[in-house]
Amino acid sequence: MPPSAEKKARKNARRTNRSEEDTLMQRHCANKRERQRTKELNEAFTALRRIIPSLPSDKLSKIHTLRIATDYLRFLDQMKRDECKFPAEMLEGGLQATFNLWRGGIVHGVQNQANAAMYYSPFPSYDFSASSSDQWPDPSSEPAMQQVEVKYSQM
């Protein structure tokens, strides 16, 4: 091998080693950032779990925690809108107890409705069974918010 080619080969080998070191360092930094992000996310969920009312039977996975938090916000909004027109005996147990009764469907006079909740959706609902596209409603004629029943299974 001529001396100039040998010199280039050594230079490329150093570059490759440096490149591998750089790649490892970048990967290490990215892993560290991801661990920090995950830690912060878990801390935020822990704080949210402390705030939201829950039942001992609730499995407080991340998705279930978000569902309960959403229900709680909806409950607080309904209380504000209805000017707290719940029966007095329901309010005696405090806000958390009232929320748990509301969540169970007792406030609405419906027993055992734990798996169903009324949700407000900003998206229009469509019947996807329509066979032709001309049967689809005009989105501009849909109300901005409509009540949609969403059922989800307890996890």
C-alpha atoms as a PDB file:
ATOM      1  CA  MET A   1       0.000   0.000   0.000  1.00  0.00           C
ATOM      2  CA  PRO A   2       1.426   3.414  -0.882  1.00  0.00           C
ATOM      3  CA  PRO A   3       2.165   5.714   2.076  1.00  0.00           C
ATOM      4  CA  SER A   4      -0.637   8.144   1.167  1.00  0.00           C
ATOM      5  CA  ALA A   5      -3.229   5.334   1.030  1.00  0.00           C
ATOM      6  CA  GLU A   6      -1.983   4.008   4.359  1.00  0.00           C
ATOM      7  CA  LYS A   7      -2.324   7.472   5.870  1.00  0.00           C
ATOM      8  CA  LYS A   8      -5.905   7.778   4.565  1.00  0.00           C
ATOM      9  CA  ALA A   9      -6.793   4.347   5.955  1.00  0.00           C
ATOM     10  CA  ARG A  10      -5.519   5.344   9.434  1.00  0.00           C
ATOM     11  CA  LYS A  11      -7.400   8.646   9.216  1.00  0.00           C
ATOM     12  CA  ASN A  12     -10.615   6.815   8.210  1.00  0.00           C
ATOM     13  CA  ALA A  13     -10.147   4.320  11.052  1.00  0.00           C
ATOM     14  CA  ARG A  14      -9.845   7.211  13.544  1.00  0.00           C
ATOM     15  CA  ARG A  15     -12.912   8.847  12.012  1.00  0.00           C
ATOM     16  CA  THR A  16     -14.842   5.579  12.296  1.00  0.00           C
ATOM     17  CA  ASN A  17     -13.801   5.160  15.937  1.00  0.00           C
ATOM     18  CA  ARG A  18     -14.715   8.773  16.667  1.00  0.00           C
ATOM     19  CA  SER A  19     -17.993   8.327  14.813  1.00  0.00           C
ATOM     20  CA  GLU A  20     -18.815   5.215  16.859  1.00  0.00           C
ATOM     21  CA  GLU A  21     -17.930   7.078  20.055  1.00  0.00           C
ATOM     22  CA  ASP A  22     -20.115  10.006  18.986  1.00  0.00           C
ATOM     23  CA  THR A  23     -22.979   7.657  18.166  1.00  0.00           C
ATOM     24  CA  LEU A  24     -22.661   5.933  21.540  1.00  0.00           C
ATOM     25  CA  MET A  25     -22.531   9.296  23.321  1.00  0.00           C
ATOM     26  CA  GLN A  26     -25.593  10.562  21.427  1.00  0.00           C
ATOM     27  CA  ARG A  27     -27.458   7.330  22.229  1.00  0.00           C
ATOM     28  CA  HIS A  28     -26.484   7.628  25.898  1.00  0.00           C
ATOM     29  CA  CYS A  29     -27.738  11.245  26.013  1.00  0.00           C
ATOM     30  CA  ALA A  30     -30.979  10.315  24.237  1.00  0.00           C
ATOM     31  CA  ASN A  31     -31.563   7.440  26.691  1.00  0.00           C
ATOM     32  CA  LYS A  32     -30.917   9.775  29.613  1.00  0.00           C
ATOM     33  CA  ARG A  33     -33.423  12.336  28.237  1.00  0.00           C
ATOM     34  CA  GLU A  34     -36.021   9.592  27.697  1.00  0.00           C
ATOM     35  CA  ARG A  35     -35.568   8.280  31.261  1.00  0.00           C
ATOM     36  CA  GLN A  36     -36.010  11.836  32.572  1.00  0.00           C
ATOM     37  CA  ARG A  37     -39.123  12.370  30.425  1.00  0.00           C
ATOM     38  CA  THR A  38     -40.608   9.073  31.644  1.00  0.00           C
ATOM     39  CA  LYS A  39     -39.805   9.961  35.258  1.00  0.00           C
ATOM     40  CA  GLU A  40     -41.523  13.365  34.901  1.00  0.00           C
ATOM     41  CA  LEU A  41     -44.550  11.768  33.227  1.00  0.00           C
ATOM     42  CA  ASN A  42     -44.865   9.190  36.028  1.00  0.00           C
ATOM     43  CA  GLU A  43     -44.550  11.948  38.654  1.00  0.00           C
ATOM     44  CA  ALA A  44     -47.329  13.895  36.901  1.00  0.00           C
ATOM     45  CA  PHE A  45     -49.595  10.814  36.926  1.00  0.00           C
ATOM     46  CA  THR A  46     -48.823  10.264  40.616  1.00  0.00           C
ATOM     47  CA  ALA A  47     -49.838  13.864  41.358  1.00  0.00           C
ATOM     48  CA  LEU A  48     -53.017  13.464  39.269  1.00  0.00           C
ATOM     49  CA  ARG A  49     -53.907  10.249  41.129  1.00  0.00           C
ATOM     50  CA  ARG A  50     -53.647  12.151  44.427  1.00  0.00           C
ATOM     51  CA  ILE A  51     -56.044  14.851  43.178  1.00  0.00           C
ATOM     52  CA  ILE A  52     -58.817  12.858  41.513  1.00  0.00           C
ATOM     53  CA  PRO A  53     -61.399  11.068  43.636  1.00  0.00           C
ATOM     54  CA  SER A  54     -61.270   7.327  43.119  1.00  0.00           C
ATOM     55  CA  LEU A  55     -62.738   4.188  44.566  1.00  0.00           C
ATOM     56  CA  PRO A  56     -60.603   1.498  46.188  1.00  0.00           C
ATOM     57  CA  SER A  57     -61.693  -0.826  43.370  1.00  0.00           C
ATOM     58  CA  ASP A  58     -60.332   1.532  40.693  1.00  0.00           C
ATOM     59  CA  LYS A  59     -57.314   0.224  38.839  1.00  0.00           C
ATOM     60  CA  LEU A  60     -55.382   3.434  38.438  1.00  0.00           C
ATOM     61  CA  SER A  61     -53.471   2.639  35.274  1.00  0.00           C
ATOM     62  CA  LYS A  62     -52.512   5.668  33.210  1.00  0.00           C
ATOM     63  CA  ILE A  63     -55.478   5.337  30.845  1.00  0.00           C
ATOM     64  CA  HIS A  64     -57.944   4.746  33.685  1.00  0.00           C
ATOM     65  CA  THR A  65     -56.506   7.729  35.583  1.00  0.00           C
ATOM     66  CA  LEU A  66     -57.108   9.915  32.522  1.00  0.00           C
ATOM     67  CA  ARG A  67     -60.658   8.576  32.166  1.00  0.00           C
ATOM     68  CA  ILE A  68     -61.460   9.309  35.815  1.00  0.00           C
ATOM     69  CA  ALA A  69     -59.900  12.780  35.532  1.00  0.00           C
ATOM     70  CA  THR A  70     -62.022  13.453  32.442  1.00  0.00           C
ATOM     71  CA  ASP A  71     -65.147  12.272  34.261  1.00  0.00           C
ATOM     72  CA  TYR A  72     -64.252  14.445  37.259  1.00  0.00           C
ATOM     73  CA  LEU A  73     -63.872  17.541  35.083  1.00  0.00           C
ATOM     74  CA  ARG A  74     -67.213  16.754  33.429  1.00  0.00           C
ATOM     75  CA  PHE A  75     -68.804  16.320  36.876  1.00  0.00           C
ATOM     76  CA  LEU A  76     -67.423  19.659  38.119  1.00  0.00           C
ATOM     77  CA  ASP A  77     -68.620  21.341  34.929  1.00  0.00           C
ATOM     78  CA  GLN A  78     -72.109  19.864  35.371  1.00  0.00           C
ATOM     79  CA  MET A  79     -72.197  20.996  39.003  1.00  0.00           C
ATOM     80  CA  LYS A  80     -71.292  24.515  37.920  1.00  0.00           C
ATOM     81  CA  ARG A  81     -73.802  24.549  35.045  1.00  0.00           C
ATOM     82  CA  ASP A  82     -76.623  23.086  37.130  1.00  0.00           C
ATOM     83  CA  GLU A  83     -75.701  25.307  40.083  1.00  0.00           C
ATOM     84  CA  CYS A  84     -75.203  22.198  42.209  1.00  0.00           C
ATOM     85  CA  LYS A  85     -78.810  20.943  41.962  1.00  0.00           C
ATOM     86  CA  PHE A  86     -78.015  17.504  43.347  1.00  0.00           C
ATOM     87  CA  PRO A  87     -80.164  16.114  46.154  1.00  0.00           C
ATOM     88  CA  ALA A  88     -78.963  17.375  49.546  1.00  0.00           C
ATOM     89  CA  GLU A  89     -78.383  13.862  50.887  1.00  0.00           C
ATOM     90  CA  MET A  90     -75.914  13.227  48.070  1.00  0.00           C
ATOM     91  CA  LEU A  91     -73.883  16.302  48.957  1.00  0.00           C
ATOM     92  CA  GLU A  92     -73.605  15.330  52.634  1.00  0.00           C
ATOM     93  CA  GLY A  93     -70.720  12.944  51.935  1.00  0.00           C
ATOM     94  CA  GLY A  94     -68.629  15.662  50.342  1.00  0.00           C
ATOM     95  CA  LEU A  95     -67.476  16.303  46.815  1.00  0.00           C
ATOM     96  CA  GLN A  96     -65.594  13.017  46.418  1.00  0.00           C
ATOM     97  CA  ALA A  97     -68.538  10.897  47.563  1.00  0.00           C
ATOM     98  CA  THR A  98     -70.927  12.880  45.354  1.00  0.00           C
ATOM     99  CA  PHE A  99     -68.601  12.396  42.378  1.00  0.00           C
ATOM    100  CA  ASN A 100     -68.400   8.649  42.978  1.00  0.00           C
ATOM    101  CA  LEU A 101     -72.209   8.450  43.132  1.00  0.00           C
ATOM    102  CA  TRP A 102     -72.487  10.578  39.979  1.00  0.00           C
ATOM    103  CA  ARG A 103     -69.909   8.428  38.250  1.00  0.00           C
ATOM    104  CA  GLY A 104     -71.860   5.307  39.149  1.00  0.00           C
ATOM    105  CA  GLY A 105     -74.972   6.726  37.522  1.00  0.00           C
ATOM    106  CA  ILE A 106     -76.967   7.028  40.743  1.00  0.00           C
ATOM    107  CA  VAL A 107     -77.483  10.789  40.360  1.00  0.00           C
ATOM    108  CA  HIS A 108     -79.192  10.265  37.024  1.00  0.00           C
ATOM    109  CA  GLY A 109     -81.512   7.616  38.473  1.00  0.00           C
ATOM    110  CA  VAL A 110     -79.766   4.824  36.602  1.00  0.00           C
ATOM    111  CA  GLN A 111     -78.289   1.986  38.640  1.00  0.00           C
ATOM    112  CA  ASN A 112     -75.189  -0.006  37.621  1.00  0.00           C
ATOM    113  CA  GLN A 113     -74.115   2.330  34.856  1.00  0.00           C
ATOM    114  CA  ALA A 114     -70.425   2.234  35.804  1.00  0.00           C
ATOM    115  CA  ASN A 115     -69.367   1.093  32.330  1.00  0.00           C
ATOM    116  CA  ALA A 116     -71.217   3.857  30.491  1.00  0.00           C
ATOM    117  CA  ALA A 117     -70.662   7.577  30.700  1.00  0.00           C
ATOM    118  CA  MET A 118     -72.095  10.490  28.819  1.00  0.00           C
ATOM    119  CA  TYR A 119     -69.409  12.327  26.915  1.00  0.00           C
ATOM    120  CA  TYR A 120     -69.474  15.555  25.035  1.00  0.00           C
ATOM    121  CA  SER A 121     -67.644  15.280  21.751  1.00  0.00           C
ATOM    122  CA  PRO A 122     -66.585  18.215  19.574  1.00  0.00           C
ATOM    123  CA  PHE A 123     -66.736  15.856  16.597  1.00  0.00           C
ATOM    124  CA  PRO A 124     -69.964  15.167  14.743  1.00  0.00           C
ATOM    125  CA  SER A 125     -71.189  11.581  14.831  1.00  0.00           C
ATOM    126  CA  TYR A 126     -71.752   9.831  11.527  1.00  0.00           C
ATOM    127  CA  ASP A 127     -73.535   6.658  10.590  1.00  0.00           C
ATOM    128  CA  PHE A 128     -70.827   4.743   8.748  1.00  0.00           C
ATOM    129  CA  SER A 129     -73.312   2.173   7.529  1.00  0.00           C
ATOM    130  CA  ALA A 130     -74.534   4.616   4.846  1.00  0.00           C
ATOM    131  CA  SER A 131     -74.008   3.075   1.428  1.00  0.00           C
ATOM    132  CA  SER A 132     -73.467   6.261  -0.545  1.00  0.00           C
ATOM    133  CA  SER A 133     -71.466   9.345   0.295  1.00  0.00           C
ATOM    134  CA  ASP A 134     -74.376  11.688  -0.533  1.00  0.00           C
ATOM    135  CA  GLN A 135     -76.156  10.456   2.623  1.00  0.00           C
ATOM    136  CA  TRP A 136     -73.459  11.905   4.873  1.00  0.00           C
ATOM    137  CA  PRO A 137     -74.507  15.010   6.795  1.00  0.00           C
ATOM    138  CA  ASP A 138     -72.975  18.364   6.028  1.00  0.00           C
ATOM    139  CA  PRO A 139     -70.406  19.015   8.809  1.00  0.00           C
ATOM    140  CA  SER A 140     -71.246  22.722   8.795  1.00  0.00           C
ATOM    141  CA  SER A 141     -74.812  21.893   9.868  1.00  0.00           C
ATOM    142  CA  GLU A 142     -73.687  19.807  12.862  1.00  0.00           C
ATOM    143  CA  PRO A 143     -73.817  21.413  16.315  1.00  0.00           C
ATOM    144  CA  ALA A 144     -70.434  22.352  17.739  1.00  0.00           C
ATOM    145  CA  MET A 145     -70.890  20.071  20.739  1.00  0.00           C
ATOM    146  CA  GLN A 146     -73.132  17.059  20.864  1.00  0.00           C
ATOM    147  CA  GLN A 147     -73.742  14.468  23.516  1.00  0.00           C
ATOM    148  CA  VAL A 148     -72.431  11.035  22.620  1.00  0.00           C
ATOM    149  CA  GLU A 149     -72.626   7.890  24.726  1.00  0.00           C
ATOM    150  CA  VAL A 150     -69.295   6.111  24.898  1.00  0.00           C
ATOM    151  CA  LYS A 151     -68.943   2.751  26.568  1.00  0.00           C
ATOM    152  CA  TYR A 152     -65.615   1.450  27.742  1.00  0.00           C
ATOM    153  CA  SER A 153     -64.772  -1.599  29.741  1.00  0.00           C
ATOM    154  CA  GLN A 154     -63.324  -1.353  33.207  1.00  0.00           C
ATOM    155  CA  MET A 155     -59.680  -2.329  33.085  1.00  0.00           C
END
